Full PDB file with SEQRES, HELIX, SHEET, SSBOND, CRYST1, ORIGX, SCALE, CONECT and MASTER records, all heavy atoms in Angstrom:
SEQRES   1 A   42  ASN ILE SER MET PRO MET ILE LEU PRO GLY GLY GLU MET          
SEQRES   2 A   42  MET THR ILE ASN LEU HIS ASN PHE GLU ASP LYS SER LEU          
SEQRES   3 A   42  ASN GLU MET ALA GLU TYR ILE GLU ASN VAL ARG GLU LYS          
SEQRES   4 A   42  ILE LYS ASN                                                  
HELIX    1 AA1 PHE A   21  ASP A   23  5                                   3    
HELIX    2 AA2 LEU A   26  LYS A   41  1                                  16    
SHEET    1 AA1 2 ILE A   2  ILE A   7  0                                        
SHEET    2 AA1 2 MET A  13  LEU A  18 -1                                        
CRYST1    1.000    1.000    1.000  90.00  90.00  90.00 P 1           1          
ORIGX1      1.000000  0.000000  0.000000        0.00000                         
ORIGX2      0.000000  1.000000  0.000000        0.00000                         
ORIGX3      0.000000  0.000000  1.000000        0.00000                         
SCALE1      1.000000  0.000000  0.000000        0.00000                         
SCALE2      0.000000  1.000000  0.000000        0.00000                         
SCALE3      0.000000  0.000000  1.000000        0.00000                         
ATOM      1  N   ASN A   1     107.026  96.978  97.135  1.00  0.00           N  
ATOM      2  CA  ASN A   1     106.910  97.613  98.443  1.00  0.00           C  
ATOM      3  C   ASN A   1     105.549  98.298  98.509  1.00  0.00           C  
ATOM      4  O   ASN A   1     105.339  99.325  97.853  1.00  0.00           O  
ATOM      5  CB  ASN A   1     108.031  98.626  98.664  1.00  0.00           C  
ATOM      6  CG  ASN A   1     109.398  97.964  98.657  1.00  0.00           C  
ATOM      7  OD1 ASN A   1     109.519  96.784  98.967  1.00  0.00           O  
ATOM      8  ND2 ASN A   1     110.425  98.711  98.292  1.00  0.00           N  
ATOM      9  N   ILE A   2     104.649  97.741  99.285  1.00  0.00           N  
ATOM     10  CA  ILE A   2     103.257  98.188  99.296  1.00  0.00           C  
ATOM     11  C   ILE A   2     103.019  99.258 100.356  1.00  0.00           C  
ATOM     12  O   ILE A   2     103.240  99.036 101.544  1.00  0.00           O  
ATOM     13  CB  ILE A   2     102.310  96.999  99.541  1.00  0.00           C  
ATOM     14  CG1 ILE A   2     102.447  95.977  98.404  1.00  0.00           C  
ATOM     15  CG2 ILE A   2     100.859  97.473  99.654  1.00  0.00           C  
ATOM     16  CD1 ILE A   2     101.627  94.719  98.610  1.00  0.00           C  
ATOM     17  N   SER A   3     102.573 100.429  99.897  1.00  0.00           N  
ATOM     18  CA  SER A   3     102.122 101.472 100.827  1.00  0.00           C  
ATOM     19  C   SER A   3     100.695 101.137 101.229  1.00  0.00           C  
ATOM     20  O   SER A   3      99.788 101.160 100.398  1.00  0.00           O  
ATOM     21  CB  SER A   3     102.172 102.844 100.154  1.00  0.00           C  
ATOM     22  OG  SER A   3     103.489 103.230  99.862  1.00  0.00           O  
ATOM     23  N   MET A   4     100.496 100.805 102.508  1.00  0.00           N  
ATOM     24  CA  MET A   4      99.171 100.404 102.967  1.00  0.00           C  
ATOM     25  C   MET A   4      98.741 101.244 104.169  1.00  0.00           C  
ATOM     26  O   MET A   4      99.378 101.197 105.221  1.00  0.00           O  
ATOM     27  CB  MET A   4      99.143  98.925 103.352  1.00  0.00           C  
ATOM     28  CG  MET A   4      97.740  98.432 103.702  1.00  0.00           C  
ATOM     29  SD  MET A   4      97.688  96.672 104.154  1.00  0.00           S  
ATOM     30  CE  MET A   4      98.333  96.774 105.842  1.00  0.00           C  
ATOM     31  N   PRO A   5      97.662 102.024 104.051  1.00  0.00           N  
ATOM     32  CA  PRO A   5      97.147 102.760 105.207  1.00  0.00           C  
ATOM     33  C   PRO A   5      96.672 101.789 106.283  1.00  0.00           C  
ATOM     34  O   PRO A   5      95.974 100.820 105.990  1.00  0.00           O  
ATOM     35  CB  PRO A   5      95.977 103.552 104.617  1.00  0.00           C  
ATOM     36  CG  PRO A   5      96.264 103.633 103.159  1.00  0.00           C  
ATOM     37  CD  PRO A   5      96.944 102.347 102.811  1.00  0.00           C  
ATOM     38  N   MET A   6      97.070 102.050 107.532  1.00  0.00           N  
ATOM     39  CA  MET A   6      96.670 101.211 108.655  1.00  0.00           C  
ATOM     40  C   MET A   6      95.997 102.072 109.716  1.00  0.00           C  
ATOM     41  O   MET A   6      96.386 103.226 109.940  1.00  0.00           O  
ATOM     42  CB  MET A   6      97.889 100.501 109.259  1.00  0.00           C  
ATOM     43  CG  MET A   6      98.556  99.518 108.305  1.00  0.00           C  
ATOM     44  SD  MET A   6      99.981  98.667 109.055  1.00  0.00           S  
ATOM     45  CE  MET A   6      99.158  97.640 110.274  1.00  0.00           C  
ATOM     46  N   ILE A   7      94.991 101.511 110.374  1.00  0.00           N  
ATOM     47  CA  ILE A   7      94.299 102.218 111.442  1.00  0.00           C  
ATOM     48  C   ILE A   7      95.111 102.090 112.726  1.00  0.00           C  
ATOM     49  O   ILE A   7      95.476 100.989 113.136  1.00  0.00           O  
ATOM     50  CB  ILE A   7      92.882 101.648 111.659  1.00  0.00           C  
ATOM     51  CG1 ILE A   7      92.081 101.730 110.366  1.00  0.00           C  
ATOM     52  CG2 ILE A   7      92.162 102.391 112.783  1.00  0.00           C  
ATOM     53  CD1 ILE A   7      90.727 101.053 110.441  1.00  0.00           C  
ATOM     54  N   LEU A   8      95.394 103.213 113.360  1.00  0.00           N  
ATOM     55  CA  LEU A   8      96.203 103.240 114.571  1.00  0.00           C  
ATOM     56  C   LEU A   8      95.318 103.099 115.803  1.00  0.00           C  
ATOM     57  O   LEU A   8      94.093 103.252 115.735  1.00  0.00           O  
ATOM     58  CB  LEU A   8      96.993 104.552 114.622  1.00  0.00           C  
ATOM     59  CG  LEU A   8      97.875 104.828 113.392  1.00  0.00           C  
ATOM     60  CD1 LEU A   8      98.560 106.173 113.534  1.00  0.00           C  
ATOM     61  CD2 LEU A   8      98.895 103.725 113.188  1.00  0.00           C  
ATOM     62  N   PRO A   9      95.923 102.794 116.956  1.00  0.00           N  
ATOM     63  CA  PRO A   9      95.137 102.609 118.185  1.00  0.00           C  
ATOM     64  C   PRO A   9      94.231 103.785 118.522  1.00  0.00           C  
ATOM     65  O   PRO A   9      93.138 103.607 119.063  1.00  0.00           O  
ATOM     66  CB  PRO A   9      96.217 102.417 119.260  1.00  0.00           C  
ATOM     67  CG  PRO A   9      97.380 101.836 118.514  1.00  0.00           C  
ATOM     68  CD  PRO A   9      97.358 102.494 117.169  1.00  0.00           C  
ATOM     69  N   GLY A  10      94.663 105.001 118.202  1.00  0.00           N  
ATOM     70  CA  GLY A  10      93.861 106.182 118.512  1.00  0.00           C  
ATOM     71  C   GLY A  10      92.816 106.512 117.471  1.00  0.00           C  
ATOM     72  O   GLY A  10      92.116 107.522 117.584  1.00  0.00           O  
ATOM     73  N   GLY A  11      92.716 105.688 116.423  1.00  0.00           N  
ATOM     74  CA  GLY A  11      91.734 105.930 115.377  1.00  0.00           C  
ATOM     75  C   GLY A  11      92.286 106.654 114.168  1.00  0.00           C  
ATOM     76  O   GLY A  11      91.629 106.756 113.130  1.00  0.00           O  
ATOM     77  N   GLU A  12      93.518 107.208 114.284  1.00  0.00           N  
ATOM     78  CA  GLU A  12      94.130 107.869 113.145  1.00  0.00           C  
ATOM     79  C   GLU A  12      94.583 106.822 112.125  1.00  0.00           C  
ATOM     80  O   GLU A  12      94.545 105.631 112.373  1.00  0.00           O  
ATOM     81  CB  GLU A  12      95.338 108.711 113.576  1.00  0.00           C  
ATOM     82  CG  GLU A  12      95.067 109.648 114.739  1.00  0.00           C  
ATOM     83  CD  GLU A  12      95.478 109.031 116.068  1.00  0.00           C  
ATOM     84  OE1 GLU A  12      95.533 107.788 116.141  1.00  0.00           O  
ATOM     85  OE2 GLU A  12      95.737 109.784 117.013  1.00  0.00           O  
ATOM     86  N   MET A  13      95.032 107.318 110.972  1.00  0.00           N  
ATOM     87  CA  MET A  13      95.545 106.412 109.956  1.00  0.00           C  
ATOM     88  C   MET A  13      96.967 106.812 109.584  1.00  0.00           C  
ATOM     89  O   MET A  13      97.301 107.995 109.549  1.00  0.00           O  
ATOM     90  CB  MET A  13      94.654 106.415 108.717  1.00  0.00           C  
ATOM     91  CG  MET A  13      93.266 105.857 108.961  1.00  0.00           C  
ATOM     92  SD  MET A  13      92.379 105.463 107.443  1.00  0.00           S  
ATOM     93  CE  MET A  13      93.229 103.992 106.920  1.00  0.00           C  
ATOM     94  N   MET A  14      97.793 105.813 109.323  1.00  0.00           N  
ATOM     95  CA  MET A  14      99.163 106.051 108.873  1.00  0.00           C  
ATOM     96  C   MET A  14      99.471 105.060 107.763  1.00  0.00           C  
ATOM     97  O   MET A  14      99.111 103.889 107.838  1.00  0.00           O  
ATOM     98  CB  MET A  14     100.163 105.868 110.028  1.00  0.00           C  
ATOM     99  CG  MET A  14     101.618 105.953 109.584  1.00  0.00           C  
ATOM    100  SD  MET A  14     102.780 105.571 110.927  1.00  0.00           S  
ATOM    101  CE  MET A  14     102.756 107.124 111.802  1.00  0.00           C  
ATOM    102  N   THR A  15     100.120 105.547 106.723  1.00  0.00           N  
ATOM    103  CA  THR A  15     100.512 104.669 105.619  1.00  0.00           C  
ATOM    104  C   THR A  15     101.851 104.029 105.932  1.00  0.00           C  
ATOM    105  O   THR A  15     102.836 104.722 106.171  1.00  0.00           O  
ATOM    106  CB  THR A  15     100.589 105.455 104.304  1.00  0.00           C  
ATOM    107  OG1 THR A  15      99.298 106.005 104.009  1.00  0.00           O  
ATOM    108  CG2 THR A  15     101.000 104.534 103.162  1.00  0.00           C  
ATOM    109  N   ILE A  16     101.871 102.701 105.949  1.00  0.00           N  
ATOM    110  CA  ILE A  16     103.072 101.935 106.263  1.00  0.00           C  
ATOM    111  C   ILE A  16     103.628 101.308 104.985  1.00  0.00           C  
ATOM    112  O   ILE A  16     102.870 100.833 104.137  1.00  0.00           O  
ATOM    113  CB  ILE A  16     102.759 100.819 107.283  1.00  0.00           C  
ATOM    114  CG1 ILE A  16     102.126 101.411 108.546  1.00  0.00           C  
ATOM    115  CG2 ILE A  16     104.017 100.032 107.626  1.00  0.00           C  
ATOM    116  CD1 ILE A  16     103.022 102.346 109.316  1.00  0.00           C  
ATOM    117  N   ASN A  17     104.932 101.313 104.857  1.00  0.00           N  
ATOM    118  CA  ASN A  17     105.598 100.701 103.707  1.00  0.00           C  
ATOM    119  C   ASN A  17     105.907  99.238 104.028  1.00  0.00           C  
ATOM    120  O   ASN A  17     106.759  98.951 104.877  1.00  0.00           O  
ATOM    121  CB  ASN A  17     106.887 101.472 103.387  1.00  0.00           C  
ATOM    122  CG  ASN A  17     107.541 101.003 102.096  1.00  0.00           C  
ATOM    123  OD1 ASN A  17     107.165  99.974 101.530  1.00  0.00           O  
ATOM    124  ND2 ASN A  17     108.523 101.750 101.635  1.00  0.00           N  
ATOM    125  N   LEU A  18     105.202  98.328 103.384  1.00  0.00           N  
ATOM    126  CA  LEU A  18     105.425  96.893 103.573  1.00  0.00           C  
ATOM    127  C   LEU A  18     106.458  96.438 102.543  1.00  0.00           C  
ATOM    128  O   LEU A  18     106.150  96.299 101.363  1.00  0.00           O  
ATOM    129  CB  LEU A  18     104.111  96.131 103.404  1.00  0.00           C  
ATOM    130  CG  LEU A  18     102.921  96.648 104.231  1.00  0.00           C  
ATOM    131  CD1 LEU A  18     101.678  95.838 103.925  1.00  0.00           C  
ATOM    132  CD2 LEU A  18     103.242  96.602 105.722  1.00  0.00           C  
ATOM    133  N   HIS A  19     107.661  96.187 103.016  1.00  0.00           N  
ATOM    134  CA  HIS A  19     108.795  95.961 102.117  1.00  0.00           C  
ATOM    135  C   HIS A  19     108.852  94.535 101.568  1.00  0.00           C  
ATOM    136  O   HIS A  19     108.561  93.558 102.259  1.00  0.00           O  
ATOM    137  CB  HIS A  19     110.116  96.240 102.851  1.00  0.00           C  
ATOM    138  CG  HIS A  19     110.359  97.676 103.139  1.00  0.00           C  
ATOM    139  ND1 HIS A  19     111.040  98.512 102.284  1.00  0.00           N  
ATOM    140  CD2 HIS A  19     110.006  98.463 104.191  1.00  0.00           C  
ATOM    141  CE1 HIS A  19     111.108  99.723 102.788  1.00  0.00           C  
ATOM    142  NE2 HIS A  19     110.478  99.716 103.959  1.00  0.00           N  
ATOM    143  N   ASN A  20     109.272  94.451 100.314  1.00  0.00           N  
ATOM    144  CA  ASN A  20     109.664  93.181  99.674  1.00  0.00           C  
ATOM    145  C   ASN A  20     108.617  92.088  99.810  1.00  0.00           C  
ATOM    146  O   ASN A  20     108.904  90.970 100.218  1.00  0.00           O  
ATOM    147  CB  ASN A  20     111.007  92.706 100.236  1.00  0.00           C  
ATOM    148  CG  ASN A  20     112.115  93.726 100.030  1.00  0.00           C  
ATOM    149  OD1 ASN A  20     112.630  94.288 100.993  1.00  0.00           O  
ATOM    150  ND2 ASN A  20     112.472  93.982  98.792  1.00  0.00           N  
ATOM    151  N   PHE A  21     107.401  92.404  99.390  1.00  0.00           N  
ATOM    152  CA  PHE A  21     106.327  91.406  99.424  1.00  0.00           C  
ATOM    153  C   PHE A  21     106.350  90.506  98.189  1.00  0.00           C  
ATOM    154  O   PHE A  21     105.527  89.600  98.085  1.00  0.00           O  
ATOM    155  CB  PHE A  21     104.970  92.107  99.554  1.00  0.00           C  
ATOM    156  CG  PHE A  21     104.510  92.226 100.984  1.00  0.00           C  
ATOM    157  CD1 PHE A  21     105.423  92.410 102.005  1.00  0.00           C  
ATOM    158  CD2 PHE A  21     103.171  92.158 101.318  1.00  0.00           C  
ATOM    159  CE1 PHE A  21     105.020  92.516 103.328  1.00  0.00           C  
ATOM    160  CE2 PHE A  21     102.745  92.250 102.634  1.00  0.00           C  
ATOM    161  CZ  PHE A  21     103.672  92.429 103.639  1.00  0.00           C  
ATOM    162  N   GLU A  22     107.269  90.747  97.276  1.00  0.00           N  
ATOM    163  CA  GLU A  22     107.298  89.957  96.041  1.00  0.00           C  
ATOM    164  C   GLU A  22     107.613  88.484  96.272  1.00  0.00           C  
ATOM    165  O   GLU A  22     107.203  87.618  95.477  1.00  0.00           O  
ATOM    166  CB  GLU A  22     108.306  90.554  95.036  1.00  0.00           C  
ATOM    167  CG  GLU A  22     109.765  90.467  95.440  1.00  0.00           C  
ATOM    168  CD  GLU A  22     110.215  91.566  96.394  1.00  0.00           C  
ATOM    169  OE1 GLU A  22     109.383  92.426  96.745  1.00  0.00           O  
ATOM    170  OE2 GLU A  22     111.402  91.557  96.761  1.00  0.00           O  
ATOM    171  N   ASP A  23     108.339  88.166  97.344  1.00  0.00           N  
ATOM    172  CA  ASP A  23     108.753  86.780  97.580  1.00  0.00           C  
ATOM    173  C   ASP A  23     108.196  86.187  98.866  1.00  0.00           C  
ATOM    174  O   ASP A  23     108.576  85.085  99.247  1.00  0.00           O  
ATOM    175  CB  ASP A  23     110.291  86.688  97.620  1.00  0.00           C  
ATOM    176  CG  ASP A  23     110.927  87.021  96.272  1.00  0.00           C  
ATOM    177  OD1 ASP A  23     110.344  86.631  95.239  1.00  0.00           O  
ATOM    178  OD2 ASP A  23     111.981  87.670  96.263  1.00  0.00           O  
ATOM    179  N   LYS A  24     107.313  86.891  99.540  1.00  0.00           N  
ATOM    180  CA  LYS A  24     106.829  86.419 100.837  1.00  0.00           C  
ATOM    181  C   LYS A  24     105.629  85.475 100.687  1.00  0.00           C  
ATOM    182  O   LYS A  24     104.751  85.689  99.855  1.00  0.00           O  
ATOM    183  CB  LYS A  24     106.457  87.596 101.731  1.00  0.00           C  
ATOM    184  CG  LYS A  24     107.659  88.347 102.286  1.00  0.00           C  
ATOM    185  CD  LYS A  24     107.224  89.451 103.215  1.00  0.00           C  
ATOM    186  CE  LYS A  24     108.411  90.046 103.962  1.00  0.00           C  
ATOM    187  NZ  LYS A  24     109.442  90.575 103.096  1.00  0.00           N  
ATOM    188  N   SER A  25     105.611  84.451 101.537  1.00  0.00           N  
ATOM    189  CA  SER A  25     104.468  83.547 101.599  1.00  0.00           C  
ATOM    190  C   SER A  25     103.350  84.226 102.388  1.00  0.00           C  
ATOM    191  O   SER A  25     103.552  85.284 103.000  1.00  0.00           O  
ATOM    192  CB  SER A  25     104.864  82.239 102.275  1.00  0.00           C  
ATOM    193  OG  SER A  25     105.166  82.474 103.648  1.00  0.00           O  
ATOM    194  N   LEU A  26     102.182  83.596 102.417  1.00  0.00           N  
ATOM    195  CA  LEU A  26     101.075  84.142 103.209  1.00  0.00           C  
ATOM    196  C   LEU A  26     101.450  84.269 104.681  1.00  0.00           C  
ATOM    197  O   LEU A  26     101.178  85.281 105.324  1.00  0.00           O  
ATOM    198  CB  LEU A  26      99.851  83.237 103.062  1.00  0.00           C  
ATOM    199  CG  LEU A  26      98.903  83.516 101.896  1.00  0.00           C  
ATOM    200  CD1 LEU A  26      97.822  82.443 101.832  1.00  0.00           C  
ATOM    201  CD2 LEU A  26      98.275  84.893 102.013  1.00  0.00           C  
ATOM    202  N   ASN A  27     102.084  83.227 105.217  1.00  0.00           N  
ATOM    203  CA  ASN A  27     102.479  83.268 106.618  1.00  0.00           C  
ATOM    204  C   ASN A  27     103.501  84.362 106.886  1.00  0.00           C  
ATOM    205  O   ASN A  27     103.439  85.057 107.915  1.00  0.00           O  
ATOM    206  CB  ASN A  27     103.043  81.910 107.048  1.00  0.00           C  
ATOM    207  CG  ASN A  27     101.955  80.864 107.220  1.00  0.00           C  
ATOM    208  OD1 ASN A  27     100.808  81.188 107.490  1.00  0.00           O  
ATOM    209  ND2 ASN A  27     102.317  79.603 107.061  1.00  0.00           N  
ATOM    210  N   GLU A  28     104.436  84.544 105.973  1.00  0.00           N  
ATOM    211  CA  GLU A  28     105.453  85.591 106.142  1.00  0.00           C  
ATOM    212  C   GLU A  28     104.824  86.981 106.077  1.00  0.00           C  
ATOM    213  O   GLU A  28     105.236  87.888 106.804  1.00  0.00           O  
ATOM    214  CB  GLU A  28     106.534  85.430 105.082  1.00  0.00           C  
ATOM    215  CG  GLU A  28     107.437  84.221 105.306  1.00  0.00           C  
ATOM    216  CD  GLU A  28     108.359  83.936 104.146  1.00  0.00           C  
ATOM    217  OE1 GLU A  28     108.045  84.364 103.003  1.00  0.00           O  
ATOM    218  OE2 GLU A  28     109.397  83.286 104.363  1.00  0.00           O  
ATOM    219  N   MET A  29     103.834  87.136 105.210  1.00  0.00           N  
ATOM    220  CA  MET A  29     103.125  88.416 105.144  1.00  0.00           C  
ATOM    221  C   MET A  29     102.394  88.693 106.450  1.00  0.00           C  
ATOM    222  O   MET A  29     102.434  89.814 106.980  1.00  0.00           O  
ATOM    223  CB  MET A  29     102.127  88.401 103.989  1.00  0.00           C  
ATOM    224  CG  MET A  29     102.739  88.524 102.614  1.00  0.00           C  
ATOM    225  SD  MET A  29     101.440  88.616 101.342  1.00  0.00           S  
ATOM    226  CE  MET A  29     102.433  88.957  99.885  1.00  0.00           C  
ATOM    227  N   ALA A  30     101.711  87.674 106.977  1.00  0.00           N  
ATOM    228  CA  ALA A  30     100.977  87.834 108.234  1.00  0.00           C  
ATOM    229  C   ALA A  30     101.923  88.199 109.372  1.00  0.00           C  
ATOM    230  O   ALA A  30     101.614  89.067 110.205  1.00  0.00           O  
ATOM    231  CB  ALA A  30     100.215  86.548 108.560  1.00  0.00           C  
ATOM    232  N   GLU A  31     103.074  87.552 109.429  1.00  0.00           N  
ATOM    233  CA  GLU A  31     104.066  87.840 110.469  1.00  0.00           C  
ATOM    234  C   GLU A  31     104.601  89.269 110.328  1.00  0.00           C  
ATOM    235  O   GLU A  31     104.800  89.973 111.333  1.00  0.00           O  
ATOM    236  CB  GLU A  31     105.210  86.834 110.376  1.00  0.00           C  
ATOM    237  CG  GLU A  31     104.827  85.429 110.812  1.00  0.00           C  
ATOM    238  CD  GLU A  31     105.925  84.419 110.541  1.00  0.00           C  
ATOM    239  OE1 GLU A  31     106.934  84.781 109.905  1.00  0.00           O  
ATOM    240  OE2 GLU A  31     105.773  83.253 110.975  1.00  0.00           O  
ATOM    241  N   TYR A  32     104.838  89.686 109.090  1.00  0.00           N  
ATOM    242  CA  TYR A  32     105.351  91.030 108.838  1.00  0.00           C  
ATOM    243  C   TYR A  32     104.361  92.081 109.349  1.00  0.00           C  
ATOM    244  O   TYR A  32     104.737  93.036 110.053  1.00  0.00           O  
ATOM    245  CB  TYR A  32     105.598  91.214 107.338  1.00  0.00           C  
ATOM    246  CG  TYR A  32     106.341  92.471 106.965  1.00  0.00           C  
ATOM    247  CD1 TYR A  32     107.662  92.424 106.530  1.00  0.00           C  
ATOM    248  CD2 TYR A  32     105.730  93.724 107.038  1.00  0.00           C  
ATOM    249  CE1 TYR A  32     108.351  93.575 106.184  1.00  0.00           C  
ATOM    250  CE2 TYR A  32     106.405  94.886 106.687  1.00  0.00           C  
ATOM    251  CZ  TYR A  32     107.713  94.800 106.255  1.00  0.00           C  
ATOM    252  OH  TYR A  32     108.396  95.939 105.904  1.00  0.00           O  
ATOM    253  N   ILE A  33     103.083  91.923 108.993  1.00  0.00           N  
ATOM    254  CA  ILE A  33     102.065  92.889 109.382  1.00  0.00           C  
ATOM    255  C   ILE A  33     101.883  92.906 110.902  1.00  0.00           C  
ATOM    256  O   ILE A  33     101.725  93.971 111.516  1.00  0.00           O  
ATOM    257  CB  ILE A  33     100.738  92.582 108.667  1.00  0.00           C  
ATOM    258  CG1 ILE A  33     100.905  92.819 107.158  1.00  0.00           C  
ATOM    259  CG2 ILE A  33      99.605  93.450 109.210  1.00  0.00           C  
ATOM    260  CD1 ILE A  33      99.738  92.337 106.326  1.00  0.00           C  
ATOM    261  N   GLU A  34     101.933  91.743 111.522  1.00  0.00           N  
ATOM    262  CA  GLU A  34     101.825  91.674 112.982  1.00  0.00           C  
ATOM    263  C   GLU A  34     103.018  92.368 113.634  1.00  0.00           C  
ATOM    264  O   GLU A  34     102.868  93.059 114.664  1.00  0.00           O  
ATOM    265  CB  GLU A  34     101.753  90.216 113.425  1.00  0.00           C  
ATOM    266  CG  GLU A  34     101.581  90.024 114.929  1.00  0.00           C  
ATOM    267  CD  GLU A  34     100.292  90.622 115.470  1.00  0.00           C  
ATOM    268  OE1 GLU A  34      99.320  90.768 114.693  1.00  0.00           O  
ATOM    269  OE2 GLU A  34     100.265  90.947 116.677  1.00  0.00           O  
ATOM    270  N   ASN A  35     104.185  92.225 113.049  1.00  0.00           N  
ATOM    271  CA  ASN A  35     105.385  92.882 113.567  1.00  0.00           C  
ATOM    272  C   ASN A  35     105.250  94.405 113.478  1.00  0.00           C  
ATOM    273  O   ASN A  35     105.666  95.134 114.388  1.00  0.00           O  
ATOM    274  CB  ASN A  35     106.613  92.419 112.783  1.00  0.00           C  
ATOM    275  CG  ASN A  35     107.908  92.988 113.338  1.00  0.00           C  
ATOM    276  OD1 ASN A  35     108.120  93.011 114.551  1.00  0.00           O  
ATOM    277  ND2 ASN A  35     108.776  93.463 112.454  1.00  0.00           N  
ATOM    278  N   VAL A  36     104.651  94.880 112.394  1.00  0.00           N  
ATOM    279  CA  VAL A  36     104.410  96.312 112.250  1.00  0.00           C  
ATOM    280  C   VAL A  36     103.479  96.806 113.357  1.00  0.00           C  
ATOM    281  O   VAL A  36     103.707  97.858 113.955  1.00  0.00           O  
ATOM    282  CB  VAL A  36     103.810  96.633 110.863  1.00  0.00           C  
ATOM    283  CG1 VAL A  36     103.279  98.064 110.820  1.00  0.00           C  
ATOM    284  CG2 VAL A  36     104.854  96.436 109.767  1.00  0.00           C  
ATOM    285  N   ARG A  37     102.435  96.037 113.649  1.00  0.00           N  
ATOM    286  CA  ARG A  37     101.489  96.435 114.701  1.00  0.00           C  
ATOM    287  C   ARG A  37     102.190  96.513 116.065  1.00  0.00           C  
ATOM    288  O   ARG A  37     101.868  97.375 116.890  1.00  0.00           O  
ATOM    289  CB  ARG A  37     100.318  95.456 114.749  1.00  0.00           C  
ATOM    290  CG  ARG A  37      99.487  95.442 113.471  1.00  0.00           C  
ATOM    291  CD  ARG A  37      98.210  94.655 113.642  1.00  0.00           C  
ATOM    292  NE  ARG A  37      97.532  94.442 112.373  1.00  0.00           N  
ATOM    293  CZ  ARG A  37      96.820  95.349 111.727  1.00  0.00           C  
ATOM    294  NH1 ARG A  37      96.684  96.564 112.247  1.00  0.00           N  
ATOM    295  NH2 ARG A  37      96.229  95.075 110.577  1.00  0.00           N  
ATOM    296  N   GLU A  38     103.132  95.611 116.295  1.00  0.00           N  
ATOM    297  CA  GLU A  38     103.893  95.658 117.541  1.00  0.00           C  
ATOM    298  C   GLU A  38     104.817  96.877 117.568  1.00  0.00           C  
ATOM    299  O   GLU A  38     104.987  97.514 118.611  1.00  0.00           O  
ATOM    300  CB  GLU A  38     104.709  94.369 117.695  1.00  0.00           C  
ATOM    301  CG  GLU A  38     103.869  93.137 117.998  1.00  0.00           C  
ATOM    302  CD  GLU A  38     103.077  93.270 119.288  1.00  0.00           C  
ATOM    303  OE1 GLU A  38     103.654  93.734 120.285  1.00  0.00           O  
ATOM    304  OE2 GLU A  38     101.876  92.931 119.287  1.00  0.00           O  
ATOM    305  N   LYS A  39     105.410  97.209 116.425  1.00  0.00           N  
ATOM    306  CA  LYS A  39     106.286  98.384 116.349  1.00  0.00           C  
ATOM    307  C   LYS A  39     105.515  99.662 116.658  1.00  0.00           C  
ATOM    308  O   LYS A  39     106.039 100.583 117.304  1.00  0.00           O  
ATOM    309  CB  LYS A  39     106.906  98.489 114.952  1.00  0.00           C  
ATOM    310  CG  LYS A  39     108.046  97.525 114.673  1.00  0.00           C  
ATOM    311  CD  LYS A  39     108.634  97.812 113.295  1.00  0.00           C  
ATOM    312  CE  LYS A  39     109.852  96.965 113.015  1.00  0.00           C  
ATOM    313  NZ  LYS A  39     110.463  97.278 111.698  1.00  0.00           N  
ATOM    314  N   ILE A  40     104.271  99.729 116.196  1.00  0.00           N  
ATOM    315  CA  ILE A  40     103.452 100.922 116.416  1.00  0.00           C  
ATOM    316  C   ILE A  40     103.312 101.222 117.905  1.00  0.00           C  
ATOM    317  O   ILE A  40     103.314 102.380 118.333  1.00  0.00           O  
ATOM    318  CB  ILE A  40     102.069 100.747 115.748  1.00  0.00           C  
ATOM    319  CG1 ILE A  40     102.209 100.815 114.222  1.00  0.00           C  
ATOM    320  CG2 ILE A  40     101.088 101.813 116.229  1.00  0.00           C  
ATOM    321  CD1 ILE A  40     100.937 100.503 113.464  1.00  0.00           C  
ATOM    322  N   LYS A  41     103.212 100.171 118.715  1.00  0.00           N  
ATOM    323  CA  LYS A  41     103.047 100.342 120.163  1.00  0.00           C  
ATOM    324  C   LYS A  41     104.257 101.038 120.793  1.00  0.00           C  
ATOM    325  O   LYS A  41     104.132 101.688 121.836  1.00  0.00           O  
ATOM    326  CB  LYS A  41     102.836  98.982 120.827  1.00  0.00           C  
ATOM    327  CG  LYS A  41     101.567  98.263 120.390  1.00  0.00           C  
ATOM    328  CD  LYS A  41     101.484  96.879 121.027  1.00  0.00           C  
ATOM    329  CE  LYS A  41     100.254  96.109 120.551  1.00  0.00           C  
ATOM    330  NZ  LYS A  41     100.199  94.738 121.132  1.00  0.00           N  
ATOM    331  N   ASN A  42     105.437 100.897 120.191  1.00  0.00           N  
ATOM    332  CA  ASN A  42     106.659 101.486 120.740  1.00  0.00           C  
ATOM    333  C   ASN A  42     107.048 102.787 120.048  1.00  0.00           C  
ATOM    334  O   ASN A  42     108.145 103.302 120.268  1.00  0.00           O  
ATOM    335  CB  ASN A  42     107.821 100.498 120.603  1.00  0.00           C  
ATOM    336  CG  ASN A  42     107.585  99.209 121.359  1.00  0.00           C  
ATOM    337  OD1 ASN A  42     107.091  99.229 122.479  1.00  0.00           O  
ATOM    338  ND2 ASN A  42     107.918  98.087 120.744  1.00  0.00           N  
TER     339      ASN A  42                                                      
MASTER        0    0    0    2    2    0    0    6  338    1    0    4          
END                                                                             
């Protein structure tokens, strides 16, 4: 579970927990991170 700081729309930073990356493919990782970016908007 990777704690990764991400830049927010307002320029701030927040550390996001990227869960269960041990078995994810590159495409699954990309989809996961994109999903996190969408969650941030809400």
